[in-house]
């Protein structure tokens, strides 16, 4: 979306709310830290707003997760001798990756011998959509992507809620800190995108010089 009219006071607003959020977090004022992040999230407007919804976040993460089939392979193009004169592409066979959102888990009765060994009468299996072979979920390797730049989803889960139980209270600090850092990284990345788009649309104008005094005509 193009920007027009007065440029929002992005720098001062971002500095204020980001500093407030971090200070509240350090004081373990979790309500204040969350509120400051919500305000920070709204600084850049609707186009760059990070969605806060647990269901949407879980779906976005599921789109990135894969199961490895124990029966078939797939062609993968790899770069050999990267950065050297003889750098080239090579197609290799690797274990088939199947997105978890393409898999239906089925509860089945397992063979008697397996039930004796595991102590369970049922097990969970899934069928690879490529080779149609059955895979036991217990013997399936799952790959979950790590959140590394530039792995941004523009969506995060909802803020953790402190529970009443002792175990919930003990794990709340870590849970909230992880949520806080996740949302802050997403917001910071949206700020980068905002500045890149503004600069591209205004011939490299220095946005900081414009928004330092509360806004100026582009």
Protein backbone atom coordinates (compact mmCIF):
# COMPACT_ATOMS: atom_id res chain seq x y z
CA UNK A 1 0.00 0.00 0.00
CA UNK A 2 1.38 3.42 -0.93
CA UNK A 3 2.05 6.07 1.67
CA UNK A 4 0.67 9.57 1.18
CA UNK A 5 0.13 12.76 3.18
CA UNK A 6 1.89 13.25 6.50
CA UNK A 7 4.51 10.73 7.49
CA UNK A 8 3.71 9.20 10.92
CA UNK A 9 6.18 9.92 13.70
CA UNK A 10 7.50 6.38 13.42
CA UNK A 11 10.90 6.73 15.08
CA UNK A 12 9.80 8.44 18.29
CA UNK A 13 6.73 6.23 18.71
CA UNK A 14 8.77 3.08 18.15
CA UNK A 15 11.49 4.20 20.55
CA UNK A 16 8.97 5.08 23.26
CA UNK A 17 6.88 1.90 23.16
CA UNK A 18 9.82 -0.44 22.58
CA UNK A 19 11.70 1.07 25.53
CA UNK A 20 8.56 0.92 27.68
CA UNK A 21 7.96 -2.73 26.79
CA UNK A 22 11.53 -3.78 27.58
CA UNK A 23 11.58 -1.83 30.85
CA UNK A 24 8.31 -3.43 31.95
CA UNK A 25 9.65 -6.87 31.06
CA UNK A 26 12.79 -6.30 33.11
CA UNK A 27 10.61 -5.31 36.06
CA UNK A 28 8.46 -8.40 35.46
CA UNK A 29 5.46 -6.16 34.89
CA UNK A 30 4.02 -8.56 32.34
CA UNK A 31 0.73 -6.74 31.88
CA UNK A 32 2.59 -3.50 31.14
CA UNK A 33 5.03 -5.25 28.81
CA UNK A 34 2.22 -6.84 26.81
CA UNK A 35 0.26 -3.57 26.61
CA UNK A 36 3.34 -1.69 25.37
CA UNK A 37 3.95 -4.32 22.67
CA UNK A 38 0.34 -4.04 21.51
CA UNK A 39 0.79 -0.26 21.19
CA UNK A 40 4.10 -0.80 19.39
CA UNK A 41 2.40 -3.20 17.00
CA UNK A 42 -0.12 -0.53 16.03
CA UNK A 43 2.44 2.17 15.24
CA UNK A 44 2.82 1.31 11.54
CA UNK A 45 -0.85 0.95 10.72
CA UNK A 46 -2.99 -1.83 9.33
CA UNK A 47 -0.76 -2.88 6.43
CA UNK A 48 2.09 -3.90 8.75
CA UNK A 49 0.11 -5.10 11.75
CA UNK A 50 1.27 -8.42 13.21
CA UNK A 51 -1.74 -10.68 13.82
CA UNK A 52 -2.06 -12.07 17.34
CA UNK A 53 -4.08 -15.26 17.09
CA UNK A 54 -3.11 -18.68 18.42
CA UNK A 55 -5.12 -20.66 15.85
CA UNK A 56 -3.62 -18.73 12.91
CA UNK A 57 -0.12 -19.05 14.39
CA UNK A 58 -0.44 -22.82 14.85
CA UNK A 59 -1.66 -23.17 11.27
CA UNK A 60 1.24 -21.07 9.95
CA UNK A 61 3.71 -23.18 11.93
CA UNK A 62 2.07 -26.41 10.75
CA UNK A 63 2.63 -25.27 7.17
CA UNK A 64 6.36 -25.27 7.96
CA UNK A 65 6.54 -28.63 9.81
CA UNK A 66 7.15 -31.91 8.01
CA UNK A 67 7.14 -35.65 8.71
CA UNK A 68 9.79 -37.88 7.15
CA UNK A 69 8.39 -40.92 5.37
CA UNK A 70 10.12 -44.18 6.29
CA UNK A 71 9.50 -45.71 2.86
CA UNK A 72 10.16 -43.30 -0.02
CA UNK A 73 12.54 -40.57 -1.18
CA UNK A 74 12.42 -37.36 -3.21
CA UNK A 75 14.72 -35.49 -5.60
CA UNK A 76 16.51 -32.54 -4.01
CA UNK A 77 18.79 -30.10 -5.84
CA UNK A 78 21.92 -29.28 -3.84
CA UNK A 79 24.75 -26.81 -4.55
CA UNK A 80 28.12 -28.58 -4.70
CA UNK A 81 31.39 -26.69 -4.05
CA UNK A 82 29.55 -23.44 -3.37
CA UNK A 83 31.69 -20.35 -3.95
CA UNK A 84 34.34 -22.25 -5.93
CA UNK A 85 35.06 -22.25 -9.66
CA UNK A 86 33.51 -25.67 -10.13
CA UNK A 87 30.31 -24.81 -8.28
CA UNK A 88 27.40 -26.74 -9.72
CA UNK A 89 24.01 -28.21 -8.92
CA UNK A 90 23.51 -31.88 -8.17
CA UNK A 91 20.26 -33.78 -7.78
CA UNK A 92 20.33 -36.21 -4.87
CA UNK A 93 17.85 -38.61 -3.28
CA UNK A 94 16.76 -37.74 0.23
CA UNK A 95 14.08 -38.96 2.60
CA UNK A 96 10.64 -37.80 1.53
CA UNK A 97 9.33 -34.78 3.46
CA UNK A 98 5.57 -34.54 3.90
CA UNK A 99 3.99 -31.36 5.35
CA UNK A 100 2.15 -32.27 8.52
CA UNK A 101 -0.96 -30.44 7.35
CA UNK A 102 -1.21 -32.99 4.52
CA UNK A 103 -1.22 -35.92 6.93
CA UNK A 104 -4.22 -37.53 8.63
CA UNK A 105 -3.39 -39.38 11.83
CA UNK A 106 -5.29 -42.63 12.35
CA UNK A 107 -5.70 -44.61 15.55
CA UNK A 108 -5.39 -48.37 14.84
CA UNK A 109 -5.14 -51.64 16.74
CA UNK A 110 -1.50 -52.77 16.76
CA UNK A 111 -0.23 -56.38 16.44
CA UNK A 112 -0.23 -58.50 19.59
CA UNK A 113 3.57 -58.70 19.87
CA UNK A 114 3.90 -54.93 19.59
CA UNK A 115 1.20 -54.46 22.22
CA UNK A 116 3.13 -56.70 24.61
CA UNK A 117 6.34 -54.75 24.04
CA UNK A 118 4.79 -51.29 24.29
CA UNK A 119 2.00 -51.96 26.77
CA UNK A 120 -0.50 -50.36 24.38
CA UNK A 121 -3.25 -52.01 22.37
CA UNK A 122 -3.55 -49.16 19.86
CA UNK A 123 -1.17 -46.90 18.01
CA UNK A 124 -1.24 -43.91 15.68
CA UNK A 125 -0.26 -44.23 12.02
CA UNK A 126 -0.32 -42.08 8.89
CA UNK A 127 -0.13 -42.86 5.19
CA UNK A 128 2.35 -41.09 2.94
CA UNK A 129 0.41 -39.35 0.13
CA UNK A 130 3.26 -40.16 -2.30
CA UNK A 131 3.97 -43.87 -1.78
CA UNK A 132 0.77 -44.68 0.16
CA UNK A 133 2.79 -46.68 2.69
CA UNK A 134 1.85 -46.79 6.36
CA UNK A 135 4.08 -44.99 8.87
CA UNK A 136 3.89 -45.39 12.63
CA UNK A 137 3.88 -41.97 14.30
CA UNK A 138 6.06 -43.45 17.06
CA UNK A 139 8.76 -44.21 14.48
CA UNK A 140 8.32 -41.01 12.46
CA UNK A 141 10.82 -38.17 12.62
CA UNK A 142 9.25 -34.72 12.67
CA UNK A 143 11.15 -31.62 11.57
CA UNK A 144 10.10 -28.38 13.20
CA UNK A 145 11.64 -25.20 11.75
CA UNK A 146 13.56 -22.91 14.08
CA UNK A 147 12.67 -19.23 14.16
CA UNK A 148 15.71 -17.65 12.53
CA UNK A 149 15.86 -14.50 10.43
CA UNK A 150 14.33 -14.04 7.94
CA UNK A 151 11.76 -16.60 9.13
CA UNK A 152 8.88 -14.27 9.93
CA UNK A 153 5.21 -15.21 9.80
CA UNK A 154 3.51 -11.87 10.60
CA UNK A 155 1.45 -13.77 13.16
CA UNK A 156 2.09 -14.85 16.75
CA UNK A 157 0.16 -16.78 19.36
CA UNK A 158 -1.93 -14.98 21.95
CA UNK A 159 -0.23 -13.77 25.12
CA UNK A 160 0.31 -16.50 27.74
CA UNK A 161 -1.96 -16.36 30.77
CA UNK A 162 -0.64 -17.01 34.27
CA UNK A 163 -2.41 -20.08 35.67
CA UNK A 164 -3.48 -20.81 39.21
CA UNK A 165 -1.46 -23.98 39.69
CA UNK A 166 2.12 -23.99 40.97
CA UNK A 167 3.44 -25.70 37.82
CA UNK A 168 1.73 -23.08 35.64
CA UNK A 169 3.18 -20.22 37.66
CA UNK A 170 6.68 -21.72 37.55
CA UNK A 171 6.68 -21.96 33.76
CA UNK A 172 4.97 -18.65 33.10
CA UNK A 173 8.12 -16.47 33.14
CA UNK A 174 9.79 -18.51 30.39
CA UNK A 175 6.58 -18.80 28.39
CA UNK A 176 5.95 -15.05 28.51
CA UNK A 177 9.56 -14.17 27.65
CA UNK A 178 9.44 -16.44 24.59
CA UNK A 179 6.16 -14.86 23.48
CA UNK A 180 7.51 -11.34 24.10
CA UNK A 181 10.68 -11.92 22.04
CA UNK A 182 8.69 -13.58 19.26
CA UNK A 183 6.26 -10.67 18.90
CA UNK A 184 9.00 -8.04 19.23
CA UNK A 185 11.03 -9.65 16.43
CA UNK A 186 7.97 -9.77 14.19
CA UNK A 187 7.19 -6.09 14.86
CA UNK A 188 10.80 -5.02 14.28
CA UNK A 189 10.77 -6.81 10.93
CA UNK A 190 7.57 -5.03 9.90
CA UNK A 191 9.25 -1.72 10.74
CA UNK A 192 12.11 -2.65 8.41
CA UNK A 193 9.65 -3.42 5.61
CA UNK A 194 7.83 -0.13 6.24
CA UNK A 195 11.03 1.89 5.95
CA UNK A 196 12.14 0.05 2.82
CA UNK A 197 8.83 0.69 1.09
CA UNK A 198 8.72 4.35 2.12
CA UNK A 199 12.29 4.93 0.93
CA UNK A 200 11.60 3.21 -2.39
CA UNK A 201 8.49 5.34 -2.99
CA UNK A 202 10.14 8.63 -2.05
CA UNK A 203 13.43 8.47 -3.97
CA UNK A 204 15.60 7.60 -0.99
CA UNK A 205 14.38 10.41 1.27
CA UNK A 206 15.76 10.17 4.79
CA UNK A 207 12.69 9.20 6.78
CA UNK A 208 14.34 9.80 10.13
CA UNK A 209 14.98 13.44 9.27
CA UNK A 210 11.30 13.83 8.40
CA UNK A 211 9.72 12.03 11.33
CA UNK A 212 12.04 13.39 14.02
CA UNK A 213 9.95 16.56 14.30
CA UNK A 214 6.57 14.84 14.26
CA UNK A 215 6.04 14.52 10.53
CA UNK A 216 6.59 16.40 7.31
CA UNK A 217 5.19 16.46 3.86
CA UNK A 218 6.86 13.89 1.59
